[in-house]
């Protein structure tokens, strides 16, 4: 990035999160001077991209084991994964009308491994 000014600082935009950059500068009068010594700087962590290739490794009546690949762009240190799932239960109410109940659940794995077993699911759970 070229900066034509008397300023002694600038902001470099468009950088990638959780990346280390090396910067050098040089002055220009009637020609270019020598480069400065390099300075390293790192950008803060950002949001990761989505985990990839979610798959069911095994399942039975009340348990499902999930497996996935980590995000392509981690943009930081992955500290855990959060599993969201929805269960739907169909039933007939006291008036004889068929109803469907939806329950959204969320599990914080508190781990960085890329598999997890969800247990104690309702026996009629559909995924």
C-alpha atoms as a PDB file:
ATOM      1  CA  UNK A   1       0.000   0.000   0.000  1.00  0.00           C
ATOM      2  CA  UNK A   2       1.485   3.355  -1.002  1.00  0.00           C
ATOM      3  CA  UNK A   3       0.776   6.367   1.224  1.00  0.00           C
ATOM      4  CA  UNK A   4       1.464   9.850  -0.112  1.00  0.00           C
ATOM      5  CA  UNK A   5       1.411  12.010   3.002  1.00  0.00           C
ATOM      6  CA  UNK A   6       3.503  13.468   5.784  1.00  0.00           C
ATOM      7  CA  UNK A   7       1.674  11.245   8.285  1.00  0.00           C
ATOM      8  CA  UNK A   8       3.742   8.843  10.338  1.00  0.00           C
ATOM      9  CA  UNK A   9       0.970   6.282  10.796  1.00  0.00           C
ATOM     10  CA  UNK A  10      -1.726   4.674   8.691  1.00  0.00           C
ATOM     11  CA  UNK A  11      -4.439   2.039   8.900  1.00  0.00           C
ATOM     12  CA  UNK A  12      -4.216  -0.971   6.628  1.00  0.00           C
ATOM     13  CA  UNK A  13      -7.679  -2.341   5.846  1.00  0.00           C
ATOM     14  CA  UNK A  14      -8.926  -5.604   4.381  1.00  0.00           C
ATOM     15  CA  UNK A  15      -6.789  -7.903   6.501  1.00  0.00           C
ATOM     16  CA  UNK A  16      -7.732 -11.452   7.452  1.00  0.00           C
ATOM     17  CA  UNK A  17      -8.617 -12.322  11.053  1.00  0.00           C
ATOM     18  CA  UNK A  18      -6.093 -14.249  13.183  1.00  0.00           C
ATOM     19  CA  UNK A  19      -3.258 -13.692  10.736  1.00  0.00           C
ATOM     20  CA  UNK A  20       0.271 -12.428  11.346  1.00  0.00           C
ATOM     21  CA  UNK A  21       1.550  -9.797   8.937  1.00  0.00           C
ATOM     22  CA  UNK A  22       5.051  -8.439   8.419  1.00  0.00           C
ATOM     23  CA  UNK A  23       5.274  -4.771   7.459  1.00  0.00           C
ATOM     24  CA  UNK A  24       8.194  -2.742   6.120  1.00  0.00           C
ATOM     25  CA  UNK A  25       8.255   0.894   5.065  1.00  0.00           C
ATOM     26  CA  UNK A  26      10.507   3.237   3.151  1.00  0.00           C
ATOM     27  CA  UNK A  27      10.487   6.931   2.425  1.00  0.00           C
ATOM     28  CA  UNK A  28      10.456   8.637  -0.969  1.00  0.00           C
ATOM     29  CA  UNK A  29      11.909  12.039  -1.890  1.00  0.00           C
ATOM     30  CA  UNK A  30      13.519  12.156  -5.310  1.00  0.00           C
ATOM     31  CA  UNK A  31      13.825   8.390  -5.081  1.00  0.00           C
ATOM     32  CA  UNK A  32      13.191   5.564  -2.688  1.00  0.00           C
ATOM     33  CA  UNK A  33      15.214   5.197   0.504  1.00  0.00           C
ATOM     34  CA  UNK A  34      16.040   1.928   2.172  1.00  0.00           C
ATOM     35  CA  UNK A  35      13.392  -0.259   3.785  1.00  0.00           C
ATOM     36  CA  UNK A  36      12.906  -0.214   7.535  1.00  0.00           C
ATOM     37  CA  UNK A  37      13.457  -3.263   9.636  1.00  0.00           C
ATOM     38  CA  UNK A  38      10.367  -5.502   9.507  1.00  0.00           C
ATOM     39  CA  UNK A  39       7.663  -5.260  12.188  1.00  0.00           C
ATOM     40  CA  UNK A  40       5.246  -8.117  12.823  1.00  0.00           C
ATOM     41  CA  UNK A  41       1.679  -7.662  13.922  1.00  0.00           C
ATOM     42  CA  UNK A  42      -1.303  -9.976  14.268  1.00  0.00           C
ATOM     43  CA  UNK A  43      -4.994  -9.374  13.761  1.00  0.00           C
ATOM     44  CA  UNK A  44      -7.555 -10.424  16.377  1.00  0.00           C
ATOM     45  CA  UNK A  45      -9.547 -13.633  16.224  1.00  0.00           C
ATOM     46  CA  UNK A  46     -12.703 -13.626  14.114  1.00  0.00           C
ATOM     47  CA  UNK A  47     -15.696 -15.874  13.524  1.00  0.00           C
ATOM     48  CA  UNK A  48     -14.916 -19.303  12.044  1.00  0.00           C
ATOM     49  CA  UNK A  49     -16.564 -20.630   8.912  1.00  0.00           C
ATOM     50  CA  UNK A  50     -19.042 -23.485   9.309  1.00  0.00           C
ATOM     51  CA  UNK A  51     -17.860 -26.971  10.275  1.00  0.00           C
ATOM     52  CA  UNK A  52     -17.785 -29.263   7.230  1.00  0.00           C
ATOM     53  CA  UNK A  53     -19.146 -32.698   6.299  1.00  0.00           C
ATOM     54  CA  UNK A  54     -21.520 -33.324   9.230  1.00  0.00           C
ATOM     55  CA  UNK A  55     -22.374 -37.019   9.301  1.00  0.00           C
ATOM     56  CA  UNK A  56     -24.024 -39.601  11.550  1.00  0.00           C
ATOM     57  CA  UNK A  57     -21.417 -42.105  12.671  1.00  0.00           C
ATOM     58  CA  UNK A  58     -23.873 -44.349  14.520  1.00  0.00           C
ATOM     59  CA  UNK A  59     -27.375 -44.230  15.963  1.00  0.00           C
ATOM     60  CA  UNK A  60     -29.753 -46.325  18.021  1.00  0.00           C
ATOM     61  CA  UNK A  61     -33.148 -45.701  19.648  1.00  0.00           C
ATOM     62  CA  UNK A  62     -31.975 -42.944  22.039  1.00  0.00           C
ATOM     63  CA  UNK A  63     -28.399 -42.062  21.009  1.00  0.00           C
ATOM     64  CA  UNK A  64     -26.748 -40.561  17.956  1.00  0.00           C
ATOM     65  CA  UNK A  65     -23.014 -40.081  17.423  1.00  0.00           C
ATOM     66  CA  UNK A  66     -22.115 -37.206  15.117  1.00  0.00           C
ATOM     67  CA  UNK A  67     -18.841 -36.561  13.364  1.00  0.00           C
ATOM     68  CA  UNK A  68     -17.702 -33.532  11.349  1.00  0.00           C
ATOM     69  CA  UNK A  69     -14.664 -31.859   9.868  1.00  0.00           C
ATOM     70  CA  UNK A  70     -13.387 -28.593  11.354  1.00  0.00           C
ATOM     71  CA  UNK A  71     -14.082 -25.245   9.668  1.00  0.00           C
ATOM     72  CA  UNK A  72     -11.947 -24.478   6.638  1.00  0.00           C
ATOM     73  CA  UNK A  73     -11.317 -20.975   7.999  1.00  0.00           C
ATOM     74  CA  UNK A  74     -10.812 -21.252  11.752  1.00  0.00           C
ATOM     75  CA  UNK A  75      -9.889 -17.565  12.213  1.00  0.00           C
ATOM     76  CA  UNK A  76      -8.795 -18.309  15.760  1.00  0.00           C
ATOM     77  CA  UNK A  77      -8.581 -21.103  18.290  1.00  0.00           C
ATOM     78  CA  UNK A  78     -11.656 -23.346  18.328  1.00  0.00           C
ATOM     79  CA  UNK A  79     -12.628 -23.700  22.006  1.00  0.00           C
ATOM     80  CA  UNK A  80     -15.805 -25.761  21.576  1.00  0.00           C
ATOM     81  CA  UNK A  81     -18.580 -26.735  19.210  1.00  0.00           C
ATOM     82  CA  UNK A  82     -22.283 -26.131  19.764  1.00  0.00           C
ATOM     83  CA  UNK A  83     -24.739 -28.759  18.534  1.00  0.00           C
ATOM     84  CA  UNK A  84     -28.255 -27.581  17.772  1.00  0.00           C
ATOM     85  CA  UNK A  85     -31.002 -30.099  17.187  1.00  0.00           C
ATOM     86  CA  UNK A  86     -34.768 -30.117  16.931  1.00  0.00           C
ATOM     87  CA  UNK A  87     -37.064 -32.911  18.003  1.00  0.00           C
ATOM     88  CA  UNK A  88     -40.626 -33.199  16.801  1.00  0.00           C
ATOM     89  CA  UNK A  89     -43.287 -35.176  18.540  1.00  0.00           C
ATOM     90  CA  UNK A  90     -46.677 -35.861  17.019  1.00  0.00           C
ATOM     91  CA  UNK A  91     -49.594 -36.502  19.367  1.00  0.00           C
ATOM     92  CA  UNK A  92     -53.385 -36.325  19.528  1.00  0.00           C
ATOM     93  CA  UNK A  93     -54.757 -33.756  21.967  1.00  0.00           C
ATOM     94  CA  UNK A  94     -57.780 -34.253  24.216  1.00  0.00           C
ATOM     95  CA  UNK A  95     -60.076 -32.924  21.458  1.00  0.00           C
ATOM     96  CA  UNK A  96     -58.877 -35.595  19.036  1.00  0.00           C
ATOM     97  CA  UNK A  97     -56.811 -33.160  16.949  1.00  0.00           C
ATOM     98  CA  UNK A  98     -53.382 -34.285  15.797  1.00  0.00           C
ATOM     99  CA  UNK A  99     -50.686 -31.840  16.919  1.00  0.00           C
ATOM    100  CA  UNK A 100     -46.968 -31.568  16.496  1.00  0.00           C
ATOM    101  CA  UNK A 101     -44.655 -30.338  19.235  1.00  0.00           C
ATOM    102  CA  UNK A 102     -41.231 -28.986  18.324  1.00  0.00           C
ATOM    103  CA  UNK A 103     -38.424 -28.724  20.854  1.00  0.00           C
ATOM    104  CA  UNK A 104     -35.146 -26.981  20.015  1.00  0.00           C
ATOM    105  CA  UNK A 105     -32.099 -28.087  21.978  1.00  0.00           C
ATOM    106  CA  UNK A 106     -28.552 -26.811  22.167  1.00  0.00           C
ATOM    107  CA  UNK A 107     -25.501 -28.608  23.538  1.00  0.00           C
ATOM    108  CA  UNK A 108     -22.164 -26.909  24.226  1.00  0.00           C
ATOM    109  CA  UNK A 109     -19.594 -29.654  23.800  1.00  0.00           C
ATOM    110  CA  UNK A 110     -16.835 -27.884  25.790  1.00  0.00           C
ATOM    111  CA  UNK A 111     -14.364 -29.763  23.639  1.00  0.00           C
ATOM    112  CA  UNK A 112     -12.472 -29.317  20.430  1.00  0.00           C
ATOM    113  CA  UNK A 113     -12.804 -32.858  19.092  1.00  0.00           C
ATOM    114  CA  UNK A 114     -14.876 -33.299  15.966  1.00  0.00           C
ATOM    115  CA  UNK A 115     -17.274 -35.973  17.166  1.00  0.00           C
ATOM    116  CA  UNK A 116     -19.909 -36.056  19.867  1.00  0.00           C
ATOM    117  CA  UNK A 117     -22.554 -38.459  21.135  1.00  0.00           C
ATOM    118  CA  UNK A 118     -25.977 -37.049  21.947  1.00  0.00           C
ATOM    119  CA  UNK A 119     -27.740 -39.383  24.340  1.00  0.00           C
ATOM    120  CA  UNK A 120     -31.048 -39.591  26.198  1.00  0.00           C
ATOM    121  CA  UNK A 121     -32.979 -38.645  23.087  1.00  0.00           C
ATOM    122  CA  UNK A 122     -36.705 -39.425  22.998  1.00  0.00           C
ATOM    123  CA  UNK A 123     -37.280 -42.905  21.543  1.00  0.00           C
ATOM    124  CA  UNK A 124     -39.364 -41.391  18.721  1.00  0.00           C
ATOM    125  CA  UNK A 125     -36.712 -38.794  17.837  1.00  0.00           C
ATOM    126  CA  UNK A 126     -36.277 -38.120  14.115  1.00  0.00           C
ATOM    127  CA  UNK A 127     -33.087 -36.605  12.745  1.00  0.00           C
END
